[in-house]
C-alpha atoms as a PDB file:
ATOM      1  CA  MET A   1      -0.194  -0.218  -0.281  1.00  0.00           C
ATOM      2  CA  GLY A   2       1.492   3.552  -0.780  1.00  0.00           C
ATOM      3  CA  THR A   3       0.899   6.703   0.590  1.00  0.00           C
ATOM      4  CA  PRO A   4      -2.532   8.595   0.129  1.00  0.00           C
ATOM      5  CA  PHE A   5      -2.387  11.931  -1.455  1.00  0.00           C
ATOM      6  CA  SER A   6      -3.925  13.504   2.005  1.00  0.00           C
ATOM      7  CA  GLU A   7      -1.053  12.612   3.778  1.00  0.00           C
ATOM      8  CA  VAL A   8       0.620  15.381   0.837  1.00  0.00           C
ATOM      9  CA  TYR A   9      -2.747  17.699   1.346  1.00  0.00           C
ATOM     10  CA  GLU A  10      -2.296  17.832   5.045  1.00  0.00           C
ATOM     11  CA  ALA A  11       1.478  18.957   4.854  1.00  0.00           C
ATOM     12  CA  ALA A  12       0.803  21.957   2.502  1.00  0.00           C
ATOM     13  CA  LEU A  13      -2.662  22.818   4.263  1.00  0.00           C
ATOM     14  CA  SER A  14      -0.263  23.690   7.259  1.00  0.00           C
ATOM     15  CA  ARG A  15       1.747  25.898   4.860  1.00  0.00           C
ATOM     16  CA  PHE A  16      -1.141  28.230   3.525  1.00  0.00           C
ATOM     17  CA  ARG A  17      -4.478  29.426   5.232  1.00  0.00           C
ATOM     18  CA  ASP A  18      -7.396  30.506   2.520  1.00  0.00           C
ATOM     19  CA  GLU A  19     -10.773  30.670   4.746  1.00  0.00           C
ATOM     20  CA  ASP A  20     -12.753  30.554   0.716  1.00  0.00           C
ATOM     21  CA  PHE A  21     -10.576  27.652  -0.151  1.00  0.00           C
ATOM     22  CA  LEU A  22     -11.431  25.420   3.510  1.00  0.00           C
ATOM     23  CA  LYS A  23     -15.451  26.123   2.683  1.00  0.00           C
ATOM     24  CA  LEU A  24     -15.547  24.251  -0.718  1.00  0.00           C
ATOM     25  CA  SER A  25     -16.280  20.705  -0.182  1.00  0.00           C
ATOM     26  CA  ASP A  26     -14.254  17.685   0.376  1.00  0.00           C
ATOM     27  CA  PHE A  27     -14.665  16.916  -3.624  1.00  0.00           C
ATOM     28  CA  ALA A  28     -13.663  20.098  -4.708  1.00  0.00           C
ATOM     29  CA  LYS A  29     -10.681  20.348  -2.180  1.00  0.00           C
ATOM     30  CA  GLN A  30      -9.040  17.329  -3.365  1.00  0.00           C
ATOM     31  CA  GLU A  31      -9.793  18.186  -6.921  1.00  0.00           C
ATOM     32  CA  THR A  32      -8.009  21.556  -6.652  1.00  0.00           C
ATOM     33  CA  MET A  33      -5.030  19.742  -4.806  1.00  0.00           C
ATOM     34  CA  TYR A  34      -4.670  16.923  -6.929  1.00  0.00           C
ATOM     35  CA  GLY A  35      -4.417  19.639  -9.759  1.00  0.00           C
ATOM     36  CA  TYR A  36      -1.648  21.722  -8.231  1.00  0.00           C
ATOM     37  CA  LEU A  37       0.367  18.360  -6.981  1.00  0.00           C
ATOM     38  CA  CYS A  38       0.543  16.867 -10.109  1.00  0.00           C
ATOM     39  CA  SER A  39       2.248  19.798 -11.349  1.00  0.00           C
ATOM     40  CA  ALA A  40       4.606  19.706  -8.131  1.00  0.00           C
ATOM     41  CA  GLU A  41       5.119  15.882  -9.159  1.00  0.00           C
ATOM     42  CA  ARG A  42       6.439  17.135 -12.578  1.00  0.00           C
ATOM     43  CA  ASP A  43       9.192  19.481 -11.511  1.00  0.00           C
ATOM     44  CA  PHE A  44       9.857  16.963  -8.624  1.00  0.00           C
ATOM     45  CA  ALA A  45       9.596  13.255 -10.609  1.00  0.00           C
ATOM     46  CA  PRO A  46      13.264  13.538 -12.275  1.00  0.00           C
ATOM     47  CA  TYR A  47      14.954  13.939  -8.913  1.00  0.00           C
ATOM     48  CA  CYS A  48      12.541  11.721  -6.821  1.00  0.00           C
ATOM     49  CA  LEU A  49      14.274   8.420  -6.060  1.00  0.00           C
ATOM     50  CA  THR A  50      10.650   6.734  -5.118  1.00  0.00           C
ATOM     51  CA  SER A  51       8.908   6.603  -8.030  1.00  0.00           C
ATOM     52  CA  LEU A  52       5.646   9.228  -8.161  1.00  0.00           C
ATOM     53  CA  LYS A  53       3.233   6.875 -10.286  1.00  0.00           C
ATOM     54  CA  HIS A  54      -0.023   6.839  -8.223  1.00  0.00           C
ATOM     55  CA  ASP A  55      -3.420   5.432  -8.780  1.00  0.00           C
ATOM     56  CA  GLN A  56      -6.038   8.967  -9.159  1.00  0.00           C
ATOM     57  CA  PRO A  57      -9.167   6.733  -7.926  1.00  0.00           C
ATOM     58  CA  ALA A  58      -7.800   5.482  -5.135  1.00  0.00           C
ATOM     59  CA  ALA A  59      -5.963   8.639  -4.250  1.00  0.00           C
ATOM     60  CA  GLU A  60      -2.606   7.492  -3.251  1.00  0.00           C
ATOM     61  CA  TYR A  61       0.947   7.022  -4.646  1.00  0.00           C
ATOM     62  CA  ARG A  62       1.822   3.191  -5.868  1.00  0.00           C
ATOM     63  CA  ALA A  63       5.033   3.604  -3.405  1.00  0.00           C
ATOM     64  CA  GLU A  64       5.411   4.519   0.027  1.00  0.00           C
ATOM     65  CA  LEU A  65       6.974   8.129  -0.117  1.00  0.00           C
ATOM     66  CA  GLU A  66       9.548   9.035   2.436  1.00  0.00           C
ATOM     67  CA  SER A  67       8.713  12.023   5.209  1.00  0.00           C
ATOM     68  CA  ASP A  68      11.179  14.537   3.466  1.00  0.00           C
ATOM     69  CA  GLU A  69       9.603  13.617  -0.561  1.00  0.00           C
ATOM     70  CA  ILE A  70       6.114  14.483   1.149  1.00  0.00           C
ATOM     71  CA  GLN A  71       7.612  17.954   2.356  1.00  0.00           C
ATOM     72  CA  VAL A  72       9.254  18.646  -1.027  1.00  0.00           C
ATOM     73  CA  LEU A  73       5.679  18.051  -2.714  1.00  0.00           C
ATOM     74  CA  ALA A  74       3.641  20.022  -0.149  1.00  0.00           C
ATOM     75  CA  CYS A  75       6.386  23.112  -0.941  1.00  0.00           C
ATOM     76  CA  GLY A  76       5.554  22.546  -4.429  1.00  0.00           C
ATOM     77  CA  LEU A  77       1.844  22.338  -3.785  1.00  0.00           C
ATOM     78  CA  SER A  78       1.885  25.249  -1.939  1.00  0.00           C
ATOM     79  CA  TYR A  79       3.943  27.052  -4.416  1.00  0.00           C
ATOM     80  CA  TYR A  80       1.420  26.281  -7.023  1.00  0.00           C
ATOM     81  CA  TRP A  81      -1.492  27.245  -4.767  1.00  0.00           C
ATOM     82  CA  LEU A  82       0.084  30.585  -4.083  1.00  0.00           C
ATOM     83  CA  SER A  83       0.372  31.325  -8.312  1.00  0.00           C
ATOM     84  CA  SER A  84      -3.064  30.542  -8.687  1.00  0.00           C
ATOM     85  CA  GLN A  85      -3.304  33.488  -5.885  1.00  0.00           C
ATOM     86  CA  VAL A  86      -1.164  35.899  -7.199  1.00  0.00           C
ATOM     87  CA  PHE A  87      -3.259  35.318 -10.764  1.00  0.00           C
ATOM     88  CA  SER A  88      -6.768  35.554  -9.884  1.00  0.00           C
ATOM     89  CA  SER A  89      -8.094  38.897 -10.563  1.00  0.00           C
ATOM     90  CA  LYS A  90      -9.651  39.902  -7.278  1.00  0.00           C
ATOM     91  CA  HIS A  91      -6.662  41.063  -5.909  1.00  0.00           C
ATOM     92  CA  LEU A  92      -7.089  44.068  -8.659  1.00  0.00           C
ATOM     93  CA  ARG A  93      -9.897  45.576  -6.691  1.00  0.00           C
ATOM     94  CA  ASN A  94      -9.231  48.540  -4.812  1.00  0.00           C
ATOM     95  CA  LYS A  95     -10.016  47.788  -0.924  1.00  0.00           C
ATOM     96  CA  ILE A  96     -10.834  50.164   1.631  1.00  0.00           C
ATOM     97  CA  SER A  97      -9.982  49.374   5.164  1.00  0.00           C
ATOM     98  CA  SER A  98     -13.166  50.353   8.067  1.00  0.00           C
ATOM     99  CA  LYS A  99     -10.265  50.326  10.479  1.00  0.00           C
ATOM    100  CA  ASP A 100      -8.667  53.506   9.235  1.00  0.00           C
ATOM    101  CA  ILE A 101     -10.284  54.205   6.151  1.00  0.00           C
ATOM    102  CA  GLN A 102      -7.001  53.828   3.885  1.00  0.00           C
ATOM    103  CA  TYR A 103      -6.934  52.930  -0.071  1.00  0.00           C
ATOM    104  CA  TYR A 104      -4.778  49.739  -0.454  1.00  0.00           C
ATOM    105  CA  SER A 105      -2.998  49.921  -4.036  1.00  0.00           C
ATOM    106  CA  PRO A 106      -4.246  46.960  -6.258  1.00  0.00           C
ATOM    107  CA  ALA A 107      -0.771  47.267  -7.554  1.00  0.00           C
ATOM    108  CA  TYR A 108       1.216  47.106  -4.704  1.00  0.00           C
ATOM    109  CA  LEU A 109      -0.597  44.189  -3.666  1.00  0.00           C
ATOM    110  CA  LEU A 110       0.429  42.529  -6.840  1.00  0.00           C
ATOM    111  CA  LYS A 111       3.768  43.352  -6.180  1.00  0.00           C
ATOM    112  CA  GLU A 112       3.775  41.846  -3.485  1.00  0.00           C
ATOM    113  CA  MET A 113       2.332  38.773  -4.045  1.00  0.00           C
ATOM    114  CA  THR A 114       4.480  38.394  -7.208  1.00  0.00           C
ATOM    115  CA  THR A 115       7.770  38.835  -4.527  1.00  0.00           C
ATOM    116  CA  LEU A 116       5.763  36.121  -2.222  1.00  0.00           C
ATOM    117  CA  ARG A 117       5.549  33.808  -5.184  1.00  0.00           C
ATOM    118  CA  GLU A 118       9.194  34.213  -6.135  1.00  0.00           C
ATOM    119  CA  ASN A 119      10.347  33.115  -2.717  1.00  0.00           C
ATOM    120  CA  ALA A 120       8.026  30.741  -2.387  1.00  0.00           C
ATOM    121  CA  LYS A 121       9.103  29.374  -5.932  1.00  0.00           C
ATOM    122  CA  LYS A 122      12.525  29.442  -4.636  1.00  0.00           C
ATOM    123  CA  GLU A 123      12.031  27.409  -1.745  1.00  0.00           C
ATOM    124  CA  PHE A 124      10.239  24.649  -3.935  1.00  0.00           C
ATOM    125  CA  HIS A 125      13.490  24.474  -6.330  1.00  0.00           C
ATOM    126  CA  ASN A 126      15.744  24.760  -3.033  1.00  0.00           C
ATOM    127  CA  SER A 127      13.733  21.643  -1.508  1.00  0.00           C
ATOM    128  CA  ILE A 128      14.570  19.914  -4.677  1.00  0.00           C
ATOM    129  CA  VAL A 129      18.064  20.541  -4.406  1.00  0.00           C
ATOM    130  CA  GLN A 130      18.277  19.653  -0.995  1.00  0.00           C
ATOM    131  CA  TYR A 131      16.506  16.701  -1.549  1.00  0.00           C
ATOM    132  CA  THR A 132      19.387  15.975  -4.661  1.00  0.00           C
ATOM    133  CA  TYR A 133      21.764  17.112  -2.253  1.00  0.00           C
ATOM    134  CA  GLU A 134      20.897  14.212   0.534  1.00  0.00           C
ATOM    135  CA  HIS A 135      19.695  11.314  -1.311  1.00  0.00           C
ATOM    136  CA  GLY A 136      20.906  11.488  -4.947  1.00  0.00           C
ATOM    137  CA  ASN A 137      24.353  10.266  -6.600  1.00  0.00           C
ATOM    138  CA  ILE A 138      25.836  13.936  -7.589  1.00  0.00           C
ATOM    139  CA  VAL A 139      28.031  11.850 -10.256  1.00  0.00           C
ATOM    140  CA  GLU A 140      24.894  11.337 -12.130  1.00  0.00           C
ATOM    141  CA  MET A 141      23.349  14.832 -12.013  1.00  0.00           C
ATOM    142  CA  LYS A 142      22.457  17.064 -14.840  1.00  0.00           C
ATOM    143  CA  VAL A 143      23.727  20.317 -14.821  1.00  0.00           C
ATOM    144  CA  GLY A 144      21.292  23.172 -15.366  1.00  0.00           C
ATOM    145  CA  LYS A 145      18.124  20.978 -14.312  1.00  0.00           C
ATOM    146  CA  VAL A 146      16.836  23.058 -11.458  1.00  0.00           C
END
């Protein structure tokens, strides 16, 4: 028996909070997270020592993943979730805080979210590099892949 997707999802959910996302049905959450997980798998698969082949109907990997592999996938899943948030049009609307009646610039918010996204991307790629360094064969590594 392999590692269920839910283990990766739980690890990823500890990295981000989205009230709108949490209001979705379990099926909708799993479908959304599965898309992000597939993107993370695509990036991590060339470096992962464990096969990332999975059985989607059973919602689990065929192999048992190590905890650091789960963490790399969770980091990637959270990066792709954040990317979807950055590209969302809801952040382009003007907002006024009732607390101190300030105007919030959508351009500034977008800039900050883009910076956050780039930091998440670096974290994801650094986690892949760290995993490769700890588990891979440096002699067989290809230069410039990550």
